PDB file of N, CA and C in Angstrom:
ATOM      1  N   MET A   1     -23.850 -10.268  54.929  1.00  0.00           N
ATOM      2  CA  MET A   1     -24.659 -11.112  54.087  1.00  0.00           C
ATOM      3  C   MET A   1     -25.899 -10.357  53.617  1.00  0.00           C
ATOM      4  N   PRO A   2     -26.391 -10.685  52.451  1.00  0.00           N
ATOM      5  CA  PRO A   2     -27.596 -10.013  51.934  1.00  0.00           C
ATOM      6  C   PRO A   2     -28.874 -10.483  52.625  1.00  0.00           C
ATOM      7  N   TRP A   3     -29.896  -9.635  52.573  1.00  0.00           N
ATOM      8  CA  TRP A   3     -31.192  -9.902  53.196  1.00  0.00           C
ATOM      9  C   TRP A   3     -32.312  -9.620  52.210  1.00  0.00           C
ATOM     10  N   ILE A   4     -33.423 -10.362  52.325  1.00  0.00           N
ATOM     11  CA  ILE A   4     -34.647 -10.074  51.582  1.00  0.00           C
ATOM     12  C   ILE A   4     -35.806 -10.056  52.574  1.00  0.00           C
ATOM     13  N   MET A   5     -36.948  -9.548  52.118  1.00  0.00           N
ATOM     14  CA  MET A   5     -38.148  -9.532  52.951  1.00  0.00           C
ATOM     15  C   MET A   5     -39.171 -10.488  52.356  1.00  0.00           C
ATOM     16  N   THR A   6     -39.792 -11.298  53.209  1.00  0.00           N
ATOM     17  CA  THR A   6     -40.852 -12.203  52.772  1.00  0.00           C
ATOM     18  C   THR A   6     -42.091 -11.971  53.622  1.00  0.00           C
ATOM     19  N   THR A   7     -43.221 -12.446  53.123  1.00  0.00           N
ATOM     20  CA  THR A   7     -44.473 -12.285  53.853  1.00  0.00           C
ATOM     21  C   THR A   7     -44.627 -13.381  54.905  1.00  0.00           C
ATOM     22  N   THR A   8     -45.399 -13.088  55.925  1.00  0.00           N
ATOM     23  CA  THR A   8     -45.686 -14.080  56.967  1.00  0.00           C
ATOM     24  C   THR A   8     -47.099 -14.632  56.825  1.00  0.00           C
ATOM     25  N   ALA A   9     -47.850 -14.141  55.839  1.00  0.00           N
ATOM     26  CA  ALA A   9     -49.270 -14.475  55.714  1.00  0.00           C
ATOM     27  C   ALA A   9     -49.546 -15.744  54.915  1.00  0.00           C
ATOM     28  N   SER A  10     -48.538 -16.387  54.378  1.00  0.00           N
ATOM     29  CA  SER A  10     -48.763 -17.526  53.496  1.00  0.00           C
ATOM     30  C   SER A  10     -47.838 -18.682  53.860  1.00  0.00           C
ATOM     31  N   ASN A  11     -48.253 -19.889  53.496  1.00  0.00           N
ATOM     32  CA  ASN A  11     -47.383 -21.050  53.671  1.00  0.00           C
ATOM     33  C   ASN A  11     -46.319 -21.105  52.587  1.00  0.00           C
ATOM     34  N   LYS A  12     -46.599 -20.480  51.442  1.00  0.00           N
ATOM     35  CA  LYS A  12     -45.622 -20.394  50.365  1.00  0.00           C
ATOM     36  C   LYS A  12     -44.580 -19.343  50.738  1.00  0.00           C
ATOM     37  N   ILE A  13     -43.423 -19.441  50.127  1.00  0.00           N
ATOM     38  CA  ILE A  13     -42.388 -18.442  50.368  1.00  0.00           C
ATOM     39  C   ILE A  13     -42.560 -17.346  49.325  1.00  0.00           C
ATOM     40  N   GLU A  14     -43.098 -16.212  49.765  1.00  0.00           N
ATOM     41  CA  GLU A  14     -43.358 -15.081  48.886  1.00  0.00           C
ATOM     42  C   GLU A  14     -42.492 -13.902  49.309  1.00  0.00           C
ATOM     43  N   ALA A  15     -41.710 -13.392  48.364  1.00  0.00           N
ATOM     44  CA  ALA A  15     -40.821 -12.267  48.632  1.00  0.00           C
ATOM     45  C   ALA A  15     -41.428 -10.989  48.075  1.00  0.00           C
ATOM     46  N   TYR A  16     -41.039  -9.881  48.661  1.00  0.00           N
ATOM     47  CA  TYR A  16     -41.511  -8.576  48.199  1.00  0.00           C
ATOM     48  C   TYR A  16     -40.650  -8.108  47.034  1.00  0.00           C
ATOM     49  N   SER A  17     -41.318  -7.780  45.942  1.00  0.00           N
ATOM     50  CA  SER A  17     -40.656  -7.289  44.743  1.00  0.00           C
ATOM     51  C   SER A  17     -41.049  -5.829  44.544  1.00  0.00           C
ATOM     52  N   PHE A  18     -40.058  -4.945  44.522  1.00  0.00           N
ATOM     53  CA  PHE A  18     -40.320  -3.522  44.306  1.00  0.00           C
ATOM     54  C   PHE A  18     -39.030  -2.830  43.902  1.00  0.00           C
ATOM     55  N   ASP A  19     -39.162  -1.591  43.432  1.00  0.00           N
ATOM     56  CA  ASP A  19     -38.014  -0.808  42.995  1.00  0.00           C
ATOM     57  C   ASP A  19     -37.430  -0.065  44.191  1.00  0.00           C
ATOM     58  N   VAL A  20     -36.276  -0.489  44.636  1.00  0.00           N
ATOM     59  CA  VAL A  20     -35.632   0.124  45.796  1.00  0.00           C
ATOM     60  C   VAL A  20     -35.175   1.543  45.479  1.00  0.00           C
ATOM     61  N   MET A  21     -34.840   1.811  44.238  1.00  0.00           N
ATOM     62  CA  MET A  21     -34.304   3.115  43.849  1.00  0.00           C
ATOM     63  C   MET A  21     -35.385   4.178  43.677  1.00  0.00           C
ATOM     64  N   SER A  22     -36.637   3.803  43.740  1.00  0.00           N
ATOM     65  CA  SER A  22     -37.739   4.753  43.578  1.00  0.00           C
ATOM     66  C   SER A  22     -37.703   5.806  44.680  1.00  0.00           C
ATOM     67  N   LYS A  23     -37.909   7.064  44.297  1.00  0.00           N
ATOM     68  CA  LYS A  23     -37.856   8.175  45.251  1.00  0.00           C
ATOM     69  C   LYS A  23     -39.220   8.498  45.857  1.00  0.00           C
ATOM     70  N   SER A  24     -40.279   7.863  45.382  1.00  0.00           N
ATOM     71  CA  SER A  24     -41.611   8.187  45.892  1.00  0.00           C
ATOM     72  C   SER A  24     -41.750   7.739  47.351  1.00  0.00           C
ATOM     73  N   PRO A  25     -42.477   8.507  48.161  1.00  0.00           N
ATOM     74  CA  PRO A  25     -42.623   8.148  49.574  1.00  0.00           C
ATOM     75  C   PRO A  25     -43.434   6.863  49.782  1.00  0.00           C
ATOM     76  N   GLN A  26     -44.396   6.590  48.901  1.00  0.00           N
ATOM     77  CA  GLN A  26     -45.210   5.369  48.987  1.00  0.00           C
ATOM     78  C   GLN A  26     -44.789   4.434  47.853  1.00  0.00           C
ATOM     79  N   LYS A  27     -44.106   3.355  48.175  1.00  0.00           N
ATOM     80  CA  LYS A  27     -43.619   2.433  47.149  1.00  0.00           C
ATOM     81  C   LYS A  27     -44.660   1.364  46.857  1.00  0.00           C
ATOM     82  N   LYS A  28     -44.749   0.991  45.576  1.00  0.00           N
ATOM     83  CA  LYS A  28     -45.649  -0.085  45.164  1.00  0.00           C
ATOM     84  C   LYS A  28     -44.848  -1.380  45.121  1.00  0.00           C
ATOM     85  N   PHE A  29     -45.471  -2.452  45.577  1.00  0.00           N
ATOM     86  CA  PHE A  29     -44.796  -3.738  45.617  1.00  0.00           C
ATOM     87  C   PHE A  29     -45.726  -4.827  45.119  1.00  0.00           C
ATOM     88  N   LYS A  30     -45.146  -5.978  44.839  1.00  0.00           N
ATOM     89  CA  LYS A  30     -45.934  -7.177  44.560  1.00  0.00           C
ATOM     90  C   LYS A  30     -45.241  -8.350  45.241  1.00  0.00           C
ATOM     91  N   LEU A  31     -46.012  -9.374  45.530  1.00  0.00           N
ATOM     92  CA  LEU A  31     -45.470 -10.579  46.149  1.00  0.00           C
ATOM     93  C   LEU A  31     -45.136 -11.596  45.066  1.00  0.00           C
ATOM     94  N   VAL A  32     -43.961 -12.163  45.145  1.00  0.00           N
ATOM     95  CA  VAL A  32     -43.474 -13.124  44.164  1.00  0.00           C
ATOM     96  C   VAL A  32     -43.188 -14.440  44.882  1.00  0.00           C
ATOM     97  N   VAL A  33     -43.745 -15.530  44.374  1.00  0.00           N
ATOM     98  CA  VAL A  33     -43.494 -16.853  44.965  1.00  0.00           C
ATOM     99  C   VAL A  33     -42.120 -17.334  44.509  1.00  0.00           C
ATOM    100  N   LEU A  34     -41.276 -17.690  45.468  1.00  0.00           N
ATOM    101  CA  LEU A  34     -39.942 -18.211  45.160  1.00  0.00           C
ATOM    102  C   LEU A  34     -40.004 -19.730  45.097  1.00  0.00           C
ATOM    103  N   GLN A  35     -39.545 -20.295  43.987  1.00  0.00           N
ATOM    104  CA  GLN A  35     -39.636 -21.736  43.754  1.00  0.00           C
ATOM    105  C   GLN A  35     -38.377 -22.495  44.176  1.00  0.00           C
ATOM    106  N   SER A  36     -37.215 -21.921  43.949  1.00  0.00           N
ATOM    107  CA  SER A  36     -35.954 -22.658  44.150  1.00  0.00           C
ATOM    108  C   SER A  36     -35.274 -22.284  45.466  1.00  0.00           C
ATOM    109  N   VAL A  37     -35.998 -22.451  46.559  1.00  0.00           N
ATOM    110  CA  VAL A  37     -35.473 -22.079  47.874  1.00  0.00           C
ATOM    111  C   VAL A  37     -35.013 -23.319  48.629  1.00  0.00           C
ATOM    112  N   ILE A  38     -33.822 -23.225  49.193  1.00  0.00           N
ATOM    113  CA  ILE A  38     -33.319 -24.239  50.114  1.00  0.00           C
ATOM    114  C   ILE A  38     -33.178 -23.535  51.457  1.00  0.00           C
ATOM    115  N   GLU A  39     -33.987 -23.959  52.415  1.00  0.00           N
ATOM    116  CA  GLU A  39     -33.974 -23.285  53.712  1.00  0.00           C
ATOM    117  C   GLU A  39     -32.793 -23.756  54.550  1.00  0.00           C
ATOM    118  N   ALA A  40     -32.237 -22.817  55.303  1.00  0.00           N
ATOM    119  CA  ALA A  40     -31.132 -23.084  56.220  1.00  0.00           C
ATOM    120  C   ALA A  40     -31.594 -22.701  57.626  1.00  0.00           C
ATOM    121  N   PRO A  41     -30.845 -23.062  58.638  1.00  0.00           N
ATOM    122  CA  PRO A  41     -31.254 -22.708  60.005  1.00  0.00           C
ATOM    123  C   PRO A  41     -31.291 -21.201  60.253  1.00  0.00           C
ATOM    124  N   LYS A  42     -31.993 -20.806  61.282  1.00  0.00           N
ATOM    125  CA  LYS A  42     -32.065 -19.421  61.761  1.00  0.00           C
ATOM    126  C   LYS A  42     -32.646 -18.460  60.731  1.00  0.00           C
ATOM    127  N   SER A  43     -33.784 -18.787  60.154  1.00  0.00           N
ATOM    128  CA  SER A  43     -34.481 -17.917  59.196  1.00  0.00           C
ATOM    129  C   SER A  43     -33.565 -17.442  58.078  1.00  0.00           C
ATOM    130  N   SER A  44     -32.960 -18.372  57.390  1.00  0.00           N
ATOM    131  CA  SER A  44     -32.093 -18.012  56.276  1.00  0.00           C
ATOM    132  C   SER A  44     -32.292 -18.993  55.127  1.00  0.00           C
ATOM    133  N   PHE A  45     -31.894 -18.544  53.941  1.00  0.00           N
ATOM    134  CA  PHE A  45     -31.934 -19.371  52.743  1.00  0.00           C
ATOM    135  C   PHE A  45     -30.511 -19.533  52.236  1.00  0.00           C
ATOM    136  N   ILE A  46     -30.249 -20.654  51.573  1.00  0.00           N
ATOM    137  CA  ILE A  46     -28.955 -20.850  50.937  1.00  0.00           C
ATOM    138  C   ILE A  46     -29.015 -20.199  49.561  1.00  0.00           C
ATOM    139  N   LEU A  47     -28.062 -19.336  49.300  1.00  0.00           N
ATOM    140  CA  LEU A  47     -28.022 -18.591  48.045  1.00  0.00           C
ATOM    141  C   LEU A  47     -27.362 -19.445  46.971  1.00  0.00           C
ATOM    142  N   THR A  48     -28.182 -20.043  46.135  1.00  0.00           N
ATOM    143  CA  THR A  48     -27.707 -20.870  45.030  1.00  0.00           C
ATOM    144  C   THR A  48     -27.806 -20.058  43.740  1.00  0.00           C
ATOM    145  N   PRO A  49     -27.140 -20.490  42.676  1.00  0.00           N
ATOM    146  CA  PRO A  49     -27.280 -19.778  41.407  1.00  0.00           C
ATOM    147  C   PRO A  49     -28.732 -19.701  40.922  1.00  0.00           C
ATOM    148  N   LYS A  50     -29.514 -20.768  41.144  1.00  0.00           N
ATOM    149  CA  LYS A  50     -30.925 -20.756  40.731  1.00  0.00           C
ATOM    150  C   LYS A  50     -31.710 -19.697  41.487  1.00  0.00           C
ATOM    151  N   LEU A  51     -31.501 -19.625  42.795  1.00  0.00           N
ATOM    152  CA  LEU A  51     -32.214 -18.636  43.602  1.00  0.00           C
ATOM    153  C   LEU A  51     -31.785 -17.228  43.229  1.00  0.00           C
ATOM    154  N   LEU A  52     -30.498 -17.023  43.008  1.00  0.00           N
ATOM    155  CA  LEU A  52     -30.007 -15.701  42.614  1.00  0.00           C
ATOM    156  C   LEU A  52     -30.632 -15.255  41.300  1.00  0.00           C
ATOM    157  N   ASN A  53     -30.724 -16.169  40.341  1.00  0.00           N
ATOM    158  CA  ASN A  53     -31.350 -15.859  39.061  1.00  0.00           C
ATOM    159  C   ASN A  53     -32.834 -15.549  39.235  1.00  0.00           C
ATOM    160  N   GLU A  54     -33.506 -16.306  40.086  1.00  0.00           N
ATOM    161  CA  GLU A  54     -34.930 -16.089  40.343  1.00  0.00           C
ATOM    162  C   GLU A  54     -35.169 -14.724  41.002  1.00  0.00           C
ATOM    163  N   LEU A  55     -34.313 -14.348  41.935  1.00  0.00           N
ATOM    164  CA  LEU A  55     -34.435 -13.039  42.581  1.00  0.00           C
ATOM    165  C   LEU A  55     -34.259 -11.916  41.562  1.00  0.00           C
ATOM    166  N   LYS A  56     -33.297 -12.100  40.671  1.00  0.00           N
ATOM    167  CA  LYS A  56     -33.023 -11.083  39.647  1.00  0.00           C
ATOM    168  C   LYS A  56     -34.182 -10.965  38.654  1.00  0.00           C
ATOM    169  N   LEU A  57     -34.691 -12.086  38.177  1.00  0.00           N
ATOM    170  CA  LEU A  57     -35.783 -12.068  37.198  1.00  0.00           C
ATOM    171  C   LEU A  57     -37.065 -11.467  37.767  1.00  0.00           C
ATOM    172  N   ASN A  58     -37.309 -11.692  39.055  1.00  0.00           N
ATOM    173  CA  ASN A  58     -38.533 -11.197  39.688  1.00  0.00           C
ATOM    174  C   ASN A  58     -38.368  -9.838  40.354  1.00  0.00           C
ATOM    175  N   ASN A  59     -37.192  -9.232  40.219  1.00  0.00           N
ATOM    176  CA  ASN A  59     -36.910  -7.908  40.783  1.00  0.00           C
ATOM    177  C   ASN A  59     -37.156  -7.865  42.295  1.00  0.00           C
ATOM    178  N   VAL A  60     -36.725  -8.907  42.990  1.00  0.00           N
ATOM    179  CA  VAL A  60     -36.848  -8.949  44.447  1.00  0.00           C
ATOM    180  C   VAL A  60     -35.755  -8.064  45.037  1.00  0.00           C
ATOM    181  N   ALA A  61     -36.156  -7.199  45.951  1.00  0.00           N
ATOM    182  CA  ALA A  61     -35.206  -6.281  46.576  1.00  0.00           C
ATOM    183  C   ALA A  61     -34.269  -7.046  47.506  1.00  0.00           C
ATOM    184  N   VAL A  62     -32.959  -6.846  47.318  1.00  0.00           N
ATOM    185  CA  VAL A  62     -31.937  -7.474  48.150  1.00  0.00           C
ATOM    186  C   VAL A  62     -31.188  -6.359  48.872  1.00  0.00           C
ATOM    187  N   PHE A  63     -31.017  -6.513  50.179  1.00  0.00           N
ATOM    188  CA  PHE A  63     -30.421  -5.466  51.006  1.00  0.00           C
ATOM    189  C   PHE A  63     -29.096  -5.924  51.595  1.00  0.00           C
ATOM    190  N   ASP A  64     -28.205  -4.955  51.844  1.00  0.00           N
ATOM    191  CA  ASP A  64     -26.904  -5.252  52.438  1.00  0.00           C
ATOM    192  C   ASP A  64     -27.006  -5.643  53.900  1.00  0.00           C
ATOM    193  N   SER A  65     -27.997  -5.114  54.584  1.00  0.00           N
ATOM    194  CA  SER A  65     -28.130  -5.398  56.015  1.00  0.00           C
ATOM    195  C   SER A  65     -29.605  -5.461  56.399  1.00  0.00           C
ATOM    196  N   LYS A  66     -29.857  -6.021  57.549  1.00  0.00           N
ATOM    197  CA  LYS A  66     -31.223  -6.102  58.060  1.00  0.00           C
ATOM    198  C   LYS A  66     -31.749  -4.700  58.374  1.00  0.00           C
ATOM    199  N   LYS A  67     -30.869  -3.812  58.775  1.00  0.00           N
ATOM    200  CA  LYS A  67     -31.248  -2.430  59.088  1.00  0.00           C
ATOM    201  C   LYS A  67     -31.799  -1.727  57.843  1.00  0.00           C
ATOM    202  N   GLU A  68     -31.131  -1.908  56.702  1.00  0.00           N
ATOM    203  CA  GLU A  68     -31.609  -1.314  55.446  1.00  0.00           C
ATOM    204  C   GLU A  68     -32.967  -1.887  55.055  1.00  0.00           C
ATOM    205  N   ALA A  69     -33.155  -3.178  55.264  1.00  0.00           N
ATOM    206  CA  ALA A  69     -34.442  -3.807  54.951  1.00  0.00           C
ATOM    207  C   ALA A  69     -35.550  -3.232  55.827  1.00  0.00           C
ATOM    208  N   ARG A  70     -35.256  -2.962  57.076  1.00  0.00           N
ATOM    209  CA  ARG A  70     -36.255  -2.376  57.977  1.00  0.00           C
ATOM    210  C   ARG A  70     -36.639  -0.965  57.550  1.00  0.00           C
ATOM    211  N   ILE A  71     -35.692  -0.207  57.060  1.00  0.00           N
ATOM    212  CA  ILE A  71     -35.987   1.150  56.576  1.00  0.00           C
ATOM    213  C   ILE A  71     -36.961   1.079  55.405  1.00  0.00           C
ATOM    214  N   GLU A  72     -36.726   0.177  54.467  1.00  0.00           N
ATOM    215  CA  GLU A  72     -37.619   0.019  53.312  1.00  0.00           C
ATOM    216  C   GLU A  72     -38.975  -0.541  53.736  1.00  0.00           C
ATOM    217  N   TYR A  73     -38.986  -1.406  54.726  1.00  0.00           N
ATOM    218  CA  TYR A  73     -40.236  -1.965  55.254  1.00  0.00           C
ATOM    219  C   TYR A  73     -41.168  -0.845  55.706  1.00  0.00           C
ATOM    220  N   ASN A  74     -40.628   0.154  56.372  1.00  0.00           N
ATOM    221  CA  ASN A  74     -41.437   1.282  56.841  1.00  0.00           C
ATOM    222  C   ASN A  74     -42.031   2.081  55.687  1.00  0.00           C
ATOM    223  N   LYS A  75     -41.374   2.103  54.537  1.00  0.00           N
ATOM    224  CA  LYS A  75     -41.869   2.833  53.363  1.00  0.00           C
ATOM    225  C   LYS A  75     -42.944   2.052  52.603  1.00  0.00           C
ATOM    226  N   LEU A  76     -43.014   0.735  52.803  1.00  0.00           N
ATOM    227  CA  LEU A  76     -43.953  -0.098  52.040  1.00  0.00           C
ATOM    228  C   LEU A  76     -45.371  -0.089  52.591  1.00  0.00           C
ATOM    229  N   ASN A  77     -45.546   0.288  53.824  1.00  0.00           N
ATOM    230  CA  ASN A  77     -46.868   0.335  54.446  1.00  0.00           C
ATOM    231  C   ASN A  77     -47.546  -1.042  54.424  1.00  0.00           C
ATOM    232  N   ILE A  78     -46.828  -2.042  54.922  1.00  0.00           N
ATOM    233  CA  ILE A  78     -47.366  -3.398  55.026  1.00  0.00           C
ATOM    234  C   ILE A  78     -47.467  -3.773  56.503  1.00  0.00           C
ATOM    235  N   GLY A  79     -48.274  -4.790  56.791  1.00  0.00           N
ATOM    236  CA  GLY A  79     -48.484  -5.196  58.180  1.00  0.00           C
ATOM    237  C   GLY A  79     -47.259  -5.802  58.827  1.00  0.00           C
ATOM    238  N   THR A  80     -46.887  -6.989  58.391  1.00  0.00           N
ATOM    239  CA  THR A  80     -45.725  -7.672  58.958  1.00  0.00           C
ATOM    240  C   THR A  80     -44.907  -8.300  57.846  1.00  0.00           C
ATOM    241  N   CYS A  81     -43.669  -8.562  58.138  1.00  0.00           N
ATOM    242  CA  CYS A  81     -42.819  -9.276  57.184  1.00  0.00           C
ATOM    243  C   CYS A  81     -41.759 -10.036  57.965  1.00  0.00           C
ATOM    244  N   ARG A  82     -41.095 -10.919  57.257  1.00  0.00           N
ATOM    245  CA  ARG A  82     -39.993 -11.693  57.817  1.00  0.00           C
ATOM    246  C   ARG A  82     -38.726 -11.277  57.098  1.00  0.00           C
ATOM    247  N   TYR A  83     -37.658 -11.083  57.830  1.00  0.00           N
ATOM    248  CA  TYR A  83     -36.367 -10.757  57.226  1.00  0.00           C
ATOM    249  C   TYR A  83     -35.575 -12.052  57.087  1.00  0.00           C
ATOM    250  N   ILE A  84     -35.158 -12.351  55.862  1.00  0.00           N
ATOM    251  CA  ILE A  84     -34.462 -13.600  55.570  1.00  0.00           C
ATOM    252  C   ILE A  84     -33.037 -13.296  55.125  1.00  0.00           C
ATOM    253  N   GLU A  85     -32.082 -13.926  55.784  1.00  0.00           N
ATOM    254  CA  GLU A  85     -30.680 -13.768  55.404  1.00  0.00           C
ATOM    255  C   GLU A  85     -30.346 -14.781  54.314  1.00  0.00           C
ATOM    256  N   LEU A  86     -29.576 -14.357  53.323  1.00  0.00           N
ATOM    257  CA  LEU A  86     -29.132 -15.246  52.250  1.00  0.00           C
ATOM    258  C   LEU A  86     -27.696 -15.653  52.543  1.00  0.00           C
ATOM    259  N   LYS A  87     -27.471 -16.938  52.716  1.00  0.00           N
ATOM    260  CA  LYS A  87     -26.139 -17.438  53.052  1.00  0.00           C
ATOM    261  C   LYS A  87     -25.538 -18.156  51.860  1.00  0.00           C
ATOM    262  N   LEU A  88     -24.248 -17.944  51.648  1.00  0.00           N
ATOM    263  CA  LEU A  88     -23.558 -18.596  50.548  1.00  0.00           C
ATOM    264  C   LEU A  88     -23.377 -20.074  50.845  1.00  0.00           C
ATOM    265  N   ASP A  89     -23.448 -20.873  49.791  1.00  0.00           N
ATOM    266  CA  ASP A  89     -23.265 -22.311  49.904  1.00  0.00           C
ATOM    267  C   ASP A  89     -21.994 -22.685  49.157  1.00  0.00           C
ATOM    268  N   PHE A  90     -21.034 -23.240  49.883  1.00  0.00           N
ATOM    269  CA  PHE A  90     -19.815 -23.683  49.225  1.00  0.00           C
ATOM    270  C   PHE A  90     -20.060 -25.051  48.608  1.00  0.00           C
ATOM    271  N   THR A  91     -19.671 -25.187  47.371  1.00  0.00           N
ATOM    272  CA  THR A  91     -19.921 -26.437  46.662  1.00  0.00           C
ATOM    273  C   THR A  91     -19.022 -27.552  47.176  1.00  0.00           C
ATOM    274  N   LYS A  92     -19.434 -28.755  46.915  1.00  0.00           N
ATOM    275  CA  LYS A  92     -18.665 -29.928  47.324  1.00  0.00           C
ATOM    276  C   LYS A  92     -17.279 -29.902  46.681  1.00  0.00           C
ATOM    277  N   GLU A  93     -17.213 -29.465  45.438  1.00  0.00           N
ATOM    278  CA  GLU A  93     -15.940 -29.374  44.717  1.00  0.00           C
ATOM    279  C   GLU A  93     -14.990 -28.436  45.450  1.00  0.00           C
ATOM    280  N   PHE A  94     -15.492 -27.294  45.868  1.00  0.00           N
ATOM    281  CA  PHE A  94     -14.666 -26.302  46.555  1.00  0.00           C
ATOM    282  C   PHE A  94     -14.175 -26.847  47.896  1.00  0.00           C
ATOM    283  N   LEU A  95     -15.081 -27.416  48.671  1.00  0.00           N
ATOM    284  CA  LEU A  95     -14.723 -27.897  50.004  1.00  0.00           C
ATOM    285  C   LEU A  95     -13.771 -29.086  49.961  1.00  0.00           C
ATOM    286  N   SER A  96     -13.907 -29.957  48.974  1.00  0.00           N
ATOM    287  CA  SER A  96     -13.079 -31.160  48.923  1.00  0.00           C
ATOM    288  C   SER A  96     -11.644 -30.866  48.511  1.00  0.00           C
ATOM    289  N   ASN A  97     -11.369 -29.695  47.975  1.00  0.00           N
ATOM    290  CA  ASN A  97     -10.024 -29.361  47.518  1.00  0.00           C
ATOM    291  C   ASN A  97      -9.272 -28.443  48.470  1.00  0.00           C
ATOM    292  N   HIS A  98      -9.721 -28.334  49.688  1.00  0.00           N
ATOM    293  CA  HIS A  98      -9.045 -27.451  50.631  1.00  0.00           C
ATOM    294  C   HIS A  98      -8.535 -28.225  51.838  1.00  0.00           C
ATOM    295  N   VAL A  99      -7.502 -27.695  52.438  1.00  0.00           N
ATOM    296  CA  VAL A  99      -6.766 -28.374  53.497  1.00  0.00           C
ATOM    297  C   VAL A  99      -7.656 -28.772  54.673  1.00  0.00           C
ATOM    298  N   TRP A 100      -8.618 -27.921  55.050  1.00  0.00           N
ATOM    299  CA  TRP A 100      -9.401 -28.237  56.241  1.00  0.00           C
ATOM    300  C   TRP A 100     -10.294 -29.458  56.061  1.00  0.00           C
ATOM    301  N   TYR A 101     -10.384 -29.989  54.857  1.00  0.00           N
ATOM    302  CA  TYR A 101     -11.098 -31.245  54.647  1.00  0.00           C
ATOM    303  C   TYR A 101     -10.130 -32.392  54.365  1.00  0.00           C
ATOM    304  N   GLY A 102      -8.849 -32.135  54.572  1.00  0.00           N
ATOM    305  CA  GLY A 102      -7.861 -33.200  54.491  1.00  0.00           C
ATOM    306  C   GLY A 102      -7.390 -33.543  53.096  1.00  0.00           C
ATOM    307  N   SER A 103      -7.817 -32.822  52.084  1.00  0.00           N
ATOM    308  CA  SER A 103      -7.414 -33.132  50.721  1.00  0.00           C
ATOM    309  C   SER A 103      -6.537 -32.017  50.181  1.00  0.00           C
ATOM    310  N   LYS A 104      -5.392 -32.403  49.614  1.00  0.00           N
ATOM    311  CA  LYS A 104      -4.498 -31.404  49.024  1.00  0.00           C
ATOM    312  C   LYS A 104      -4.386 -31.628  47.520  1.00  0.00           C
ATOM    313  N   SER A 105      -5.390 -32.204  46.926  1.00  0.00           N
ATOM    314  CA  SER A 105      -5.335 -32.499  45.496  1.00  0.00           C
ATOM    315  C   SER A 105      -5.352 -31.213  44.687  1.00  0.00           C
ATOM    316  N   ASN A 106      -4.744 -31.265  43.534  1.00  0.00           N
ATOM    317  CA  ASN A 106      -4.705 -30.102  42.650  1.00  0.00           C
ATOM    318  C   ASN A 106      -5.715 -30.198  41.524  1.00  0.00           C
ATOM    319  N   GLY A 107      -6.498 -31.253  41.466  1.00  0.00           N
ATOM    320  CA  GLY A 107      -7.491 -31.412  40.412  1.00  0.00           C
ATOM    321  C   GLY A 107      -8.713 -30.565  40.705  1.00  0.00           C
ATOM    322  N   SER A 108      -8.628 -29.299  40.404  1.00  0.00           N
ATOM    323  CA  SER A 108      -9.692 -28.382  40.779  1.00  0.00           C
ATOM    324  C   SER A 108     -10.114 -27.535  39.596  1.00  0.00           C
ATOM    325  N   TRP A 109     -11.283 -26.933  39.716  1.00  0.00           N
ATOM    326  CA  TRP A 109     -11.781 -26.020  38.690  1.00  0.00           C
ATOM    327  C   TRP A 109     -10.909 -24.778  38.603  1.00  0.00           C
ATOM    328  N   VAL A 110     -10.105 -24.491  39.634  1.00  0.00           N
ATOM    329  CA  VAL A 110      -9.246 -23.305  39.634  1.00  0.00           C
ATOM    330  C   VAL A 110      -8.187 -23.413  38.547  1.00  0.00           C
ATOM    331  N   GLN A 111      -7.730 -24.628  38.245  1.00  0.00           N
ATOM    332  CA  GLN A 111      -6.703 -24.827  37.226  1.00  0.00           C
ATOM    333  C   GLN A 111      -7.187 -24.429  35.835  1.00  0.00           C
ATOM    334  N   HIS A 112      -8.476 -24.418  35.614  1.00  0.00           N
ATOM    335  CA  HIS A 112      -9.010 -24.162  34.279  1.00  0.00           C
ATOM    336  C   HIS A 112      -9.306 -22.691  34.021  1.00  0.00           C
ATOM    337  N   ILE A 113      -8.997 -21.832  34.985  1.00  0.00           N
ATOM    338  CA  ILE A 113      -9.229 -20.401  34.792  1.00  0.00           C
ATOM    339  C   ILE A 113      -8.069 -19.829  33.993  1.00  0.00           C
ATOM    340  N   PRO A 114      -8.341 -19.229  32.805  1.00  0.00           N
ATOM    341  CA  PRO A 114      -7.258 -18.657  32.004  1.00  0.00           C
ATOM    342  C   PRO A 114      -6.675 -17.422  32.692  1.00  0.00           C
ATOM    343  N   MET A 115      -5.372 -17.320  32.670  1.00  0.00           N
ATOM    344  CA  MET A 115      -4.699 -16.172  33.299  1.00  0.00           C
ATOM    345  C   MET A 115      -4.289 -15.163  32.264  1.00  0.00           C
TER     346      MET A 115
END
């Protein structure tokens, strides 16, 4: 699952925005307030299309693992941060059309995908 870094100094949810591909030893960053966050248990956020778009527009660094985020944290020269996991949210439509929820209906968005 993907990870982002947020600050611990504010009540607002502020993520670190910076260029991960930069080769300079001292990276410049800015804090971006995230508006469309749905919090999930265990220090994680639900990754919705709105949040994904917001992360992209604000150039928030997204990492493949917590280990990669820690490596970048050391390059940023900041005091403390929180590592937040982004978890996928399955839509009600998706869940209601699968066997483990007891429904075998074929009326799904999958039928409308052109082959």
